[in-house]
Amino acid sequence: RPRYEAEVAAACEGLLAGGATEVVVLDNHGSGNPANLTADALPRGARLESWNLWDVPQHGVDTMLQVGYHARGGVDGFLSHTYAFELRLRCGDELISESHGRAWAARTRLIGIVGNDAHERTLGSLSGTPFLAVQRSNGHAASEPLEKLDAVREFARACAEDAADVRPVDVPGETRLAASLPDGAA
C-alpha cells in the first residue's frame, strides 16, 4: 500500500504540473471495496472519490490516467487477473484487461497507463496508449519495482500536456462478450 499510495500521489503531482485543473482519484479497485488509498496521501489539488466507473461521464471527467494496473487473466504476470483470478474476458476476438473495461466504462480519453510490465505486452487494442512500467513480474506471485517516483511524476506530466491530442477510447458497439476459466468444468 505505501508504494501504491506514493505512485498515485506522484501521478497526481505530475498531472497537476502538466496542466490538469482538477484531479479525481477513483479508489474502486477490488470489487468495489475502496480501501487502497487514504485521502491524506494525495497532494493538494487532488481528491479521493469512490464513484462507479459507469458514472464517470456524468461527472464531466475528460481524461483518465490509470495507475497500478496489472496484466489480464491468463498472463504470467504478478497478480494477473481480470476482475477475478483465473477469469478471462474476451470482447469479440480480443482478450481484454481491466484497463479496457474501465476505459470503456468511463467513455473518455485514456491518456496513459502506469503498471506492470506484463500488462504493457498484452494491451491489444489499447496498444499505443502511453505506458510506464513501474513493476517487473517474476511470475504470478512476485515482482520488483522498476521506476522511481520521479519517473511516474514526469510520465503523468507529459500525459497531461499531450491530453488534447488523444482521442476518446473506442468503445465497442454491440459485440459478443465471453468469459472463461481454465478449468471451466470445475
N, C-alpha and C. Protein backbone atom coordinates (compact mmCIF):
# COMPACT_ATOMS: atom_id res chain seq x y z
N ARG A 1 0.81 -1.20 0.00
CA ARG A 1 0.00 0.00 0.00
C ARG A 1 0.86 1.28 0.00
N PRO A 2 1.92 1.37 0.80
CA PRO A 2 2.72 2.60 0.77
C PRO A 2 3.28 2.92 -0.62
N ARG A 3 3.77 1.90 -1.33
CA ARG A 3 4.32 2.13 -2.67
C ARG A 3 3.21 2.59 -3.62
N TYR A 4 2.04 1.95 -3.54
CA TYR A 4 0.93 2.32 -4.41
C TYR A 4 0.48 3.75 -4.11
N GLU A 5 0.34 4.10 -2.84
CA GLU A 5 -0.06 5.47 -2.49
C GLU A 5 0.97 6.48 -3.00
N ALA A 6 2.25 6.15 -2.89
CA ALA A 6 3.29 7.05 -3.37
C ALA A 6 3.23 7.22 -4.88
N GLU A 7 2.96 6.13 -5.62
CA GLU A 7 2.85 6.22 -7.08
C GLU A 7 1.64 7.06 -7.48
N VAL A 8 0.52 6.86 -6.80
CA VAL A 8 -0.69 7.63 -7.11
C VAL A 8 -0.44 9.12 -6.81
N ALA A 9 0.18 9.42 -5.68
CA ALA A 9 0.47 10.81 -5.33
C ALA A 9 1.40 11.44 -6.36
N ALA A 10 2.42 10.71 -6.79
CA ALA A 10 3.35 11.22 -7.80
C ALA A 10 2.63 11.47 -9.11
N ALA A 11 1.72 10.57 -9.49
CA ALA A 11 0.94 10.77 -10.71
C ALA A 11 0.07 12.02 -10.60
N CYS A 12 -0.55 12.22 -9.45
CA CYS A 12 -1.37 13.43 -9.23
C CYS A 12 -0.52 14.69 -9.39
N GLU A 13 0.65 14.69 -8.77
CA GLU A 13 1.55 15.84 -8.87
C GLU A 13 1.92 16.11 -10.32
N GLY A 14 2.20 15.05 -11.06
CA GLY A 14 2.55 15.21 -12.48
C GLY A 14 1.39 15.74 -13.30
N LEU A 15 0.20 15.22 -13.07
CA LEU A 15 -0.97 15.69 -13.81
C LEU A 15 -1.21 17.18 -13.55
N LEU A 16 -1.12 17.58 -12.30
CA LEU A 16 -1.31 18.99 -11.95
C LEU A 16 -0.23 19.86 -12.58
N ALA A 17 1.02 19.39 -12.55
CA ALA A 17 2.12 20.14 -13.17
C ALA A 17 1.95 20.22 -14.68
N GLY A 18 1.28 19.23 -15.27
CA GLY A 18 1.06 19.20 -16.71
C GLY A 18 -0.16 19.98 -17.17
N GLY A 19 -0.87 20.61 -16.24
CA GLY A 19 -1.98 21.46 -16.63
C GLY A 19 -3.36 21.00 -16.21
N ALA A 20 -3.47 19.86 -15.56
CA ALA A 20 -4.79 19.42 -15.09
C ALA A 20 -5.33 20.44 -14.10
N THR A 21 -6.59 20.79 -14.25
CA THR A 21 -7.19 21.76 -13.34
C THR A 21 -7.77 21.10 -12.10
N GLU A 22 -8.04 19.81 -12.21
CA GLU A 22 -8.58 19.05 -11.08
C GLU A 22 -8.20 17.59 -11.28
N VAL A 23 -7.83 16.93 -10.20
CA VAL A 23 -7.51 15.50 -10.27
C VAL A 23 -8.41 14.77 -9.29
N VAL A 24 -9.18 13.84 -9.83
CA VAL A 24 -10.05 13.00 -9.01
C VAL A 24 -9.46 11.60 -9.03
N VAL A 25 -9.15 11.07 -7.88
CA VAL A 25 -8.60 9.73 -7.77
C VAL A 25 -9.74 8.79 -7.42
N LEU A 26 -9.99 7.83 -8.29
CA LEU A 26 -11.03 6.83 -8.02
C LEU A 26 -10.39 5.63 -7.36
N ASP A 27 -10.78 5.38 -6.15
CA ASP A 27 -10.28 4.21 -5.42
C ASP A 27 -11.39 3.19 -5.41
N ASN A 28 -11.48 2.45 -6.51
CA ASN A 28 -12.57 1.48 -6.61
C ASN A 28 -12.09 0.12 -7.10
N HIS A 29 -10.83 -0.17 -6.91
CA HIS A 29 -10.33 -1.48 -7.29
C HIS A 29 -10.66 -2.48 -6.18
N GLY A 30 -10.80 -3.72 -6.53
CA GLY A 30 -11.08 -4.74 -5.53
C GLY A 30 -12.56 -4.95 -5.30
N SER A 31 -13.30 -5.14 -6.38
CA SER A 31 -14.74 -5.45 -6.30
C SER A 31 -15.53 -4.37 -5.55
N GLY A 32 -15.16 -3.12 -5.78
CA GLY A 32 -15.91 -2.04 -5.18
C GLY A 32 -15.62 -1.82 -3.71
N ASN A 33 -14.52 -2.36 -3.22
CA ASN A 33 -14.17 -2.20 -1.82
C ASN A 33 -13.04 -1.16 -1.72
N PRO A 34 -13.39 0.13 -1.71
CA PRO A 34 -12.34 1.15 -1.75
C PRO A 34 -11.62 1.28 -0.41
N ALA A 35 -10.47 0.69 -0.32
CA ALA A 35 -9.66 0.79 0.89
C ALA A 35 -8.19 0.75 0.55
N ASN A 36 -7.86 1.10 -0.68
CA ASN A 36 -6.48 1.01 -1.13
C ASN A 36 -5.67 2.27 -0.84
N LEU A 37 -6.34 3.42 -0.75
CA LEU A 37 -5.67 4.71 -0.60
C LEU A 37 -6.30 5.51 0.53
N THR A 38 -5.53 6.45 1.05
CA THR A 38 -6.08 7.38 2.03
C THR A 38 -6.01 8.79 1.45
N ALA A 39 -6.96 9.62 1.80
CA ALA A 39 -7.01 10.98 1.28
C ALA A 39 -5.76 11.77 1.67
N ASP A 40 -5.19 11.50 2.86
CA ASP A 40 -4.00 12.27 3.29
C ASP A 40 -2.78 11.98 2.42
N ALA A 41 -2.79 10.89 1.67
CA ALA A 41 -1.65 10.56 0.82
C ALA A 41 -1.62 11.41 -0.45
N LEU A 42 -2.73 12.09 -0.75
CA LEU A 42 -2.82 12.84 -2.01
C LEU A 42 -2.34 14.27 -1.84
N PRO A 43 -1.74 14.83 -2.89
CA PRO A 43 -1.29 16.22 -2.82
C PRO A 43 -2.47 17.19 -2.92
N ARG A 44 -2.21 18.42 -2.56
CA ARG A 44 -3.21 19.47 -2.71
C ARG A 44 -3.61 19.56 -4.19
N GLY A 45 -4.89 19.67 -4.46
CA GLY A 45 -5.38 19.72 -5.83
C GLY A 45 -5.92 18.39 -6.31
N ALA A 46 -5.78 17.36 -5.50
CA ALA A 46 -6.31 16.03 -5.84
C ALA A 46 -7.27 15.60 -4.73
N ARG A 47 -8.32 14.91 -5.13
CA ARG A 47 -9.26 14.43 -4.12
C ARG A 47 -9.63 12.98 -4.42
N LEU A 48 -10.01 12.28 -3.38
CA LEU A 48 -10.34 10.86 -3.43
C LEU A 48 -11.85 10.69 -3.56
N GLU A 49 -12.28 9.84 -4.48
CA GLU A 49 -13.70 9.51 -4.68
C GLU A 49 -13.82 8.01 -4.87
N SER A 50 -15.03 7.50 -4.71
CA SER A 50 -15.27 6.07 -4.94
C SER A 50 -16.42 5.89 -5.94
N TRP A 51 -16.52 6.79 -6.90
CA TRP A 51 -17.56 6.70 -7.91
C TRP A 51 -17.48 5.37 -8.64
N ASN A 52 -18.61 4.91 -9.10
CA ASN A 52 -18.65 3.78 -10.01
C ASN A 52 -18.16 4.28 -11.36
N LEU A 53 -17.34 3.51 -12.03
CA LEU A 53 -16.81 3.95 -13.33
C LEU A 53 -17.89 4.25 -14.34
N TRP A 54 -19.00 3.55 -14.27
CA TRP A 54 -20.09 3.81 -15.21
C TRP A 54 -20.68 5.21 -15.03
N ASP A 55 -20.45 5.81 -13.86
CA ASP A 55 -20.97 7.15 -13.57
C ASP A 55 -19.99 8.26 -13.93
N VAL A 56 -18.78 7.93 -14.32
CA VAL A 56 -17.76 8.93 -14.62
C VAL A 56 -18.23 9.93 -15.69
N PRO A 57 -18.87 9.51 -16.78
CA PRO A 57 -19.30 10.50 -17.77
C PRO A 57 -20.24 11.57 -17.18
N GLN A 58 -21.04 11.21 -16.21
CA GLN A 58 -21.96 12.17 -15.58
C GLN A 58 -21.22 13.21 -14.73
N HIS A 59 -19.98 12.92 -14.36
CA HIS A 59 -19.20 13.84 -13.52
C HIS A 59 -18.31 14.76 -14.36
N GLY A 60 -18.39 14.65 -15.68
CA GLY A 60 -17.63 15.56 -16.55
C GLY A 60 -16.15 15.30 -16.62
N VAL A 61 -15.72 14.09 -16.31
CA VAL A 61 -14.30 13.74 -16.39
C VAL A 61 -13.91 13.66 -17.87
N ASP A 62 -12.84 14.35 -18.25
CA ASP A 62 -12.49 14.35 -19.67
C ASP A 62 -11.24 13.54 -20.01
N THR A 63 -10.50 13.06 -19.01
CA THR A 63 -9.36 12.18 -19.29
C THR A 63 -9.18 11.19 -18.15
N MET A 64 -8.48 10.12 -18.46
CA MET A 64 -8.19 9.10 -17.45
C MET A 64 -6.73 8.69 -17.57
N LEU A 65 -6.06 8.63 -16.42
CA LEU A 65 -4.72 8.05 -16.31
C LEU A 65 -4.87 6.88 -15.35
N GLN A 66 -4.50 5.70 -15.78
CA GLN A 66 -4.63 4.52 -14.93
C GLN A 66 -3.30 4.26 -14.23
N VAL A 67 -3.36 4.05 -12.91
CA VAL A 67 -2.16 3.80 -12.10
C VAL A 67 -2.34 2.50 -11.34
N GLY A 68 -1.32 1.64 -11.37
CA GLY A 68 -1.35 0.40 -10.61
C GLY A 68 -1.99 -0.75 -11.37
N TYR A 69 -1.93 -0.73 -12.68
CA TYR A 69 -2.62 -1.76 -13.48
C TYR A 69 -1.73 -2.97 -13.73
N HIS A 70 -2.37 -4.11 -13.79
CA HIS A 70 -1.71 -5.41 -13.91
C HIS A 70 -2.20 -6.09 -15.18
N ALA A 71 -1.50 -7.15 -15.55
CA ALA A 71 -1.86 -7.89 -16.75
C ALA A 71 -3.20 -8.61 -16.59
N ARG A 72 -3.83 -8.87 -17.71
CA ARG A 72 -5.12 -9.56 -17.73
C ARG A 72 -4.97 -11.02 -17.28
N GLY A 73 -6.09 -11.60 -16.92
CA GLY A 73 -6.10 -13.00 -16.53
C GLY A 73 -5.52 -13.89 -17.62
N GLY A 74 -4.76 -14.89 -17.21
CA GLY A 74 -4.16 -15.83 -18.15
C GLY A 74 -2.75 -15.47 -18.56
N VAL A 75 -2.26 -14.31 -18.14
CA VAL A 75 -0.90 -13.88 -18.45
C VAL A 75 -0.01 -14.21 -17.25
N ASP A 76 1.22 -14.67 -17.53
CA ASP A 76 2.14 -14.98 -16.45
C ASP A 76 2.77 -13.68 -15.95
N GLY A 77 2.02 -12.94 -15.14
CA GLY A 77 2.48 -11.67 -14.60
C GLY A 77 2.02 -11.55 -13.16
N PHE A 78 2.67 -10.68 -12.41
CA PHE A 78 2.37 -10.52 -10.99
C PHE A 78 0.89 -10.20 -10.78
N LEU A 79 0.22 -11.05 -10.02
CA LEU A 79 -1.20 -10.91 -9.67
C LEU A 79 -2.10 -10.66 -10.88
N SER A 80 -1.73 -11.22 -12.03
CA SER A 80 -2.55 -11.01 -13.22
C SER A 80 -3.95 -11.56 -13.00
N HIS A 81 -4.93 -10.76 -13.39
CA HIS A 81 -6.33 -11.16 -13.29
C HIS A 81 -7.19 -10.15 -14.04
N THR A 82 -8.40 -10.53 -14.32
CA THR A 82 -9.38 -9.63 -14.90
C THR A 82 -10.62 -9.72 -14.04
N TYR A 83 -10.71 -8.83 -13.09
CA TYR A 83 -11.81 -8.74 -12.12
C TYR A 83 -11.83 -9.88 -11.11
N ALA A 84 -11.40 -11.06 -11.49
CA ALA A 84 -11.30 -12.19 -10.57
C ALA A 84 -10.15 -13.07 -11.07
N PHE A 85 -9.45 -13.73 -10.16
CA PHE A 85 -8.35 -14.59 -10.56
C PHE A 85 -8.86 -15.70 -11.46
N GLU A 86 -8.07 -16.01 -12.47
CA GLU A 86 -8.32 -17.07 -13.43
C GLU A 86 -9.37 -16.72 -14.48
N LEU A 87 -10.15 -15.67 -14.27
CA LEU A 87 -11.17 -15.28 -15.25
C LEU A 87 -10.51 -14.65 -16.46
N ARG A 88 -10.98 -15.04 -17.62
CA ARG A 88 -10.52 -14.43 -18.86
C ARG A 88 -11.76 -13.87 -19.55
N LEU A 89 -11.66 -12.62 -20.00
CA LEU A 89 -12.76 -11.99 -20.73
C LEU A 89 -12.31 -11.70 -22.15
N ARG A 90 -13.22 -11.94 -23.05
CA ARG A 90 -12.96 -11.70 -24.47
C ARG A 90 -14.09 -10.84 -25.00
N CYS A 91 -13.71 -9.78 -25.70
CA CYS A 91 -14.69 -8.92 -26.36
C CYS A 91 -14.45 -9.09 -27.85
N GLY A 92 -15.40 -9.71 -28.53
CA GLY A 92 -15.17 -10.07 -29.92
C GLY A 92 -14.04 -11.07 -29.98
N ASP A 93 -12.99 -10.73 -30.72
CA ASP A 93 -11.83 -11.63 -30.86
C ASP A 93 -10.69 -11.30 -29.91
N GLU A 94 -10.87 -10.30 -29.06
CA GLU A 94 -9.75 -9.83 -28.23
C GLU A 94 -9.90 -10.21 -26.76
N LEU A 95 -8.84 -10.80 -26.20
CA LEU A 95 -8.77 -10.97 -24.75
C LEU A 95 -8.56 -9.58 -24.16
N ILE A 96 -9.35 -9.22 -23.16
CA ILE A 96 -9.28 -7.86 -22.62
C ILE A 96 -8.85 -7.85 -21.16
N SER A 97 -8.41 -6.68 -20.72
CA SER A 97 -7.95 -6.49 -19.35
C SER A 97 -8.89 -5.52 -18.63
N GLU A 98 -8.59 -5.29 -17.36
CA GLU A 98 -9.36 -4.29 -16.62
C GLU A 98 -9.12 -2.89 -17.19
N SER A 99 -7.97 -2.65 -17.80
CA SER A 99 -7.75 -1.35 -18.45
C SER A 99 -8.81 -1.10 -19.51
N HIS A 100 -9.11 -2.13 -20.29
CA HIS A 100 -10.15 -2.00 -21.32
C HIS A 100 -11.50 -1.69 -20.68
N GLY A 101 -11.91 -2.55 -19.76
CA GLY A 101 -13.23 -2.40 -19.15
C GLY A 101 -13.41 -1.05 -18.48
N ARG A 102 -12.41 -0.60 -17.77
CA ARG A 102 -12.53 0.68 -17.06
C ARG A 102 -12.53 1.86 -18.03
N ALA A 103 -11.69 1.81 -19.05
CA ALA A 103 -11.68 2.90 -20.03
C ALA A 103 -13.00 2.94 -20.80
N TRP A 104 -13.52 1.76 -21.16
CA TRP A 104 -14.80 1.73 -21.89
C TRP A 104 -15.93 2.26 -21.01
N ALA A 105 -15.94 1.90 -19.75
CA ALA A 105 -17.00 2.35 -18.84
C ALA A 105 -16.94 3.87 -18.65
N ALA A 106 -15.73 4.42 -18.55
CA ALA A 106 -15.57 5.86 -18.32
C ALA A 106 -15.89 6.68 -19.57
N ARG A 107 -15.78 6.05 -20.74
CA ARG A 107 -16.08 6.73 -22.02
C ARG A 107 -15.36 8.07 -22.15
N THR A 108 -14.06 8.02 -21.95
CA THR A 108 -13.27 9.24 -22.04
C THR A 108 -11.93 8.93 -22.69
N ARG A 109 -11.03 9.88 -22.64
CA ARG A 109 -9.68 9.69 -23.21
C ARG A 109 -8.79 9.00 -22.19
N LEU A 110 -8.15 7.93 -22.61
CA LEU A 110 -7.17 7.23 -21.78
C LEU A 110 -5.81 7.78 -22.17
N ILE A 111 -5.24 8.65 -21.32
CA ILE A 111 -4.01 9.35 -21.70
C ILE A 111 -2.75 8.61 -21.31
N GLY A 112 -2.87 7.56 -20.48
CA GLY A 112 -1.69 6.80 -20.11
C GLY A 112 -2.02 5.72 -19.10
N ILE A 113 -1.10 4.77 -18.99
CA ILE A 113 -1.24 3.66 -18.03
C ILE A 113 0.10 3.49 -17.32
N VAL A 114 0.04 3.38 -16.00
CA VAL A 114 1.21 3.09 -15.18
C VAL A 114 0.96 1.72 -14.57
N GLY A 115 1.87 0.77 -14.80
CA GLY A 115 1.60 -0.55 -14.26
C GLY A 115 2.70 -1.56 -14.46
N ASN A 116 2.27 -2.79 -14.55
CA ASN A 116 3.14 -3.96 -14.60
C ASN A 116 3.65 -4.21 -16.02
N ASP A 117 4.90 -4.61 -16.14
CA ASP A 117 5.50 -4.86 -17.45
C ASP A 117 4.74 -5.90 -18.27
N ALA A 118 4.18 -6.91 -17.63
CA ALA A 118 3.43 -7.93 -18.36
C ALA A 118 2.16 -7.34 -18.97
N HIS A 119 1.60 -6.35 -18.35
CA HIS A 119 0.40 -5.69 -18.88
C HIS A 119 0.73 -4.95 -20.18
N GLU A 120 1.84 -4.26 -20.18
CA GLU A 120 2.22 -3.49 -21.37
C GLU A 120 2.33 -4.39 -22.61
N ARG A 121 2.79 -5.60 -22.44
CA ARG A 121 3.00 -6.51 -23.57
C ARG A 121 1.69 -7.10 -24.10
N THR A 122 0.59 -6.91 -23.39
CA THR A 122 -0.66 -7.56 -23.78
C THR A 122 -1.83 -6.57 -23.89
N LEU A 123 -1.55 -5.33 -24.27
CA LEU A 123 -2.60 -4.31 -24.33
C LEU A 123 -3.58 -4.45 -25.48
N GLY A 124 -3.19 -5.16 -26.53
CA GLY A 124 -4.11 -5.35 -27.65
C GLY A 124 -4.60 -4.04 -28.22
N SER A 125 -5.92 -3.82 -28.24
CA SER A 125 -6.48 -2.62 -28.87
C SER A 125 -6.10 -1.33 -28.13
N LEU A 126 -5.53 -1.43 -26.96
CA LEU A 126 -5.06 -0.24 -26.24
C LEU A 126 -3.57 0.03 -26.51
N SER A 127 -2.94 -0.82 -27.36
CA SER A 127 -1.55 -0.58 -27.73
C SER A 127 -1.45 0.81 -28.33
N GLY A 128 -0.39 1.49 -28.03
CA GLY A 128 -0.24 2.87 -28.49
C GLY A 128 -0.57 3.85 -27.39
N THR A 129 -1.28 3.39 -26.36
CA THR A 129 -1.52 4.24 -25.19
C THR A 129 -0.18 4.39 -24.47
N PRO A 130 0.22 5.61 -24.13
CA PRO A 130 1.48 5.76 -23.40
C PRO A 130 1.49 4.88 -22.15
N PHE A 131 2.60 4.21 -21.90
CA PHE A 131 2.69 3.24 -20.82
C PHE A 131 4.01 3.40 -20.08
N LEU A 132 3.95 3.38 -18.76
CA LEU A 132 5.16 3.39 -17.94
C LEU A 132 5.13 2.14 -17.07
N ALA A 133 6.09 1.24 -17.32
CA ALA A 133 6.20 0.03 -16.50
C ALA A 133 6.95 0.38 -15.21
N VAL A 134 6.28 0.20 -14.08
CA VAL A 134 6.89 0.51 -12.78
C VAL A 134 7.15 -0.75 -11.96
N GLN A 135 6.83 -1.89 -12.56
CA GLN A 135 6.95 -3.15 -11.82
C GLN A 135 7.31 -4.25 -12.82
N ARG A 136 8.28 -5.09 -12.47
CA ARG A 136 8.65 -6.24 -13.30
C ARG A 136 8.12 -7.50 -12.64
N SER A 137 7.41 -8.29 -13.43
CA SER A 137 6.89 -9.56 -12.92
C SER A 137 7.98 -10.60 -12.84
N ASN A 138 7.95 -11.36 -11.78
CA ASN A 138 8.76 -12.56 -11.64
C ASN A 138 7.77 -13.69 -11.41
N GLY A 139 6.99 -13.99 -12.44
CA GLY A 139 5.91 -14.96 -12.32
C GLY A 139 4.66 -14.31 -11.74
N HIS A 140 3.73 -15.15 -11.32
CA HIS A 140 2.45 -14.66 -10.83
C HIS A 140 2.52 -14.15 -9.39
N ALA A 141 3.48 -14.63 -8.62
CA ALA A 141 3.49 -14.34 -7.19
C ALA A 141 4.55 -13.35 -6.72
N ALA A 142 5.41 -12.86 -7.61
CA ALA A 142 6.47 -11.96 -7.16
C ALA A 142 6.74 -10.87 -8.20
N SER A 143 7.21 -9.74 -7.71
CA SER A 143 7.56 -8.63 -8.60
C SER A 143 8.64 -7.79 -7.95
N GLU A 144 9.20 -6.88 -8.75
CA GLU A 144 10.17 -5.94 -8.21
C GLU A 144 9.91 -4.58 -8.85
N PRO A 145 10.12 -3.50 -8.10
CA PRO A 145 9.90 -2.17 -8.67
C PRO A 145 10.94 -1.85 -9.73
N LEU A 146 10.52 -1.09 -10.74
CA LEU A 146 11.42 -0.71 -11.83
C LEU A 146 11.76 0.78 -11.82
N GLU A 147 10.79 1.62 -11.56
CA GLU A 147 10.95 3.06 -11.71
C GLU A 147 10.85 3.80 -10.39
N LYS A 148 11.52 4.92 -10.34
CA LYS A 148 11.44 5.82 -9.19
C LYS A 148 10.20 6.70 -9.34
N LEU A 149 9.79 7.30 -8.25
CA LEU A 149 8.60 8.15 -8.27
C LEU A 149 8.75 9.35 -9.20
N ASP A 150 9.97 9.84 -9.38
CA ASP A 150 10.18 10.95 -10.32
C ASP A 150 9.77 10.56 -11.73
N ALA A 151 9.98 9.29 -12.11
CA ALA A 151 9.58 8.83 -13.44
C ALA A 151 8.05 8.83 -13.57
N VAL A 152 7.35 8.43 -12.51
CA VAL A 152 5.89 8.45 -12.53
C VAL A 152 5.40 9.89 -12.66
N ARG A 153 5.98 10.79 -11.89
CA ARG A 153 5.60 12.21 -11.92
C ARG A 153 5.82 12.80 -13.32
N GLU A 154 6.97 12.53 -13.91
CA GLU A 154 7.29 13.05 -15.25
C GLU A 154 6.37 12.44 -16.31
N PHE A 155 6.12 11.15 -16.21
CA PHE A 155 5.24 10.47 -17.16
C PHE A 155 3.84 11.10 -17.11
N ALA A 156 3.29 11.29 -15.92
CA ALA A 156 1.96 11.86 -15.77
C ALA A 156 1.92 13.30 -16.29
N ARG A 157 2.98 14.06 -16.04
CA ARG A 157 3.05 15.43 -16.55
C ARG A 157 2.99 15.44 -18.07
N ALA A 158 3.79 14.59 -18.70
CA ALA A 158 3.80 14.51 -20.16
C ALA A 158 2.44 14.06 -20.70
N CYS A 159 1.81 13.11 -20.03
CA CYS A 159 0.49 12.64 -20.47
C CYS A 159 -0.53 13.77 -20.40
N ALA A 160 -0.49 14.57 -19.32
CA ALA A 160 -1.42 15.69 -19.19
C ALA A 160 -1.18 16.73 -20.27
N GLU A 161 0.09 17.02 -20.55
CA GLU A 161 0.41 18.01 -21.57
C GLU A 161 -0.04 17.57 -22.95
N ASP A 162 -0.04 16.26 -23.21
CA ASP A 162 -0.43 15.74 -24.52
C ASP A 162 -1.90 15.34 -24.59
N ALA A 163 -2.66 15.52 -23.54
CA ALA A 163 -4.03 15.02 -23.46
C ALA A 163 -4.93 15.53 -24.58
N ALA A 164 -4.76 16.76 -24.99
CA ALA A 164 -5.63 17.33 -26.02
C ALA A 164 -5.49 16.59 -27.35
N ASP A 165 -4.37 15.92 -27.56
CA ASP A 165 -4.13 15.20 -28.82
C ASP A 165 -4.66 13.77 -28.80
N VAL A 166 -5.20 13.33 -27.66
CA VAL A 166 -5.66 11.95 -27.51
C VAL A 166 -7.16 11.87 -27.78
N ARG A 167 -7.54 10.94 -28.64
CA ARG A 167 -8.95 10.71 -28.93
C ARG A 167 -9.58 9.89 -27.82
N PRO A 168 -10.89 10.06 -27.60
CA PRO A 168 -11.56 9.16 -26.64
C PRO A 168 -11.37 7.72 -27.06
N VAL A 169 -11.33 6.84 -26.08
CA VAL A 169 -11.14 5.42 -26.34
C VAL A 169 -12.31 4.89 -27.18
N ASP A 170 -12.00 4.01 -28.11
CA ASP A 170 -13.05 3.40 -28.93
C ASP A 170 -13.79 2.36 -28.09
N VAL A 171 -15.06 2.61 -27.85
CA VAL A 171 -15.89 1.68 -27.09
C VAL A 171 -16.55 0.75 -28.11
N PRO A 172 -16.39 -0.57 -27.93
CA PRO A 172 -17.01 -1.48 -28.89
C PRO A 172 -18.52 -1.29 -28.94
N GLY A 173 -19.07 -1.39 -30.14
CA GLY A 173 -20.52 -1.35 -30.28
C GLY A 173 -21.07 -2.69 -29.83
N GLU A 174 -22.16 -3.08 -30.37
CA GLU A 174 -22.71 -4.38 -30.00
C GLU A 174 -21.74 -5.45 -30.44
N THR A 175 -21.31 -6.24 -29.51
CA THR A 175 -20.38 -7.32 -29.80
C THR A 175 -20.57 -8.40 -28.73
N ARG A 176 -19.98 -9.50 -28.95
CA ARG A 176 -20.11 -10.60 -28.01
C ARG A 176 -19.04 -10.53 -26.94
N LEU A 177 -19.47 -10.64 -25.68
CA LEU A 177 -18.55 -10.71 -24.55
C LEU A 177 -18.57 -12.13 -24.04
N ALA A 178 -17.39 -12.75 -23.95
CA ALA A 178 -17.32 -14.13 -23.48
C ALA A 178 -16.40 -14.21 -22.28
N ALA A 179 -16.75 -15.04 -21.33
CA ALA A 179 -15.94 -15.26 -20.13
C ALA A 179 -15.57 -16.72 -20.07
N SER A 180 -14.35 -17.00 -19.60
CA SER A 180 -13.92 -18.38 -19.47
C SER A 180 -12.98 -18.53 -18.28
N LEU A 181 -12.88 -19.74 -17.80
CA LEU A 181 -11.93 -20.12 -16.75
C LEU A 181 -11.13 -21.29 -17.29
N PRO A 182 -9.85 -21.42 -16.89
CA PRO A 182 -9.05 -22.51 -17.42
C PRO A 182 -9.60 -23.89 -17.09
N ASP A 183 -10.27 -24.01 -15.95
CA ASP A 183 -10.87 -25.28 -15.57
C ASP A 183 -12.38 -25.06 -15.43
N GLY A 184 -13.00 -24.65 -16.52
CA GLY A 184 -14.41 -24.29 -16.52
C GLY A 184 -15.34 -25.38 -16.03
N ALA A 185 -14.96 -26.63 -16.25
CA ALA A 185 -15.82 -27.74 -15.82
C ALA A 185 -15.94 -27.80 -14.29
N ALA A 186 -14.90 -27.34 -13.60
CA ALA A 186 -14.92 -27.36 -12.12
C ALA A 186 -15.75 -26.21 -11.59
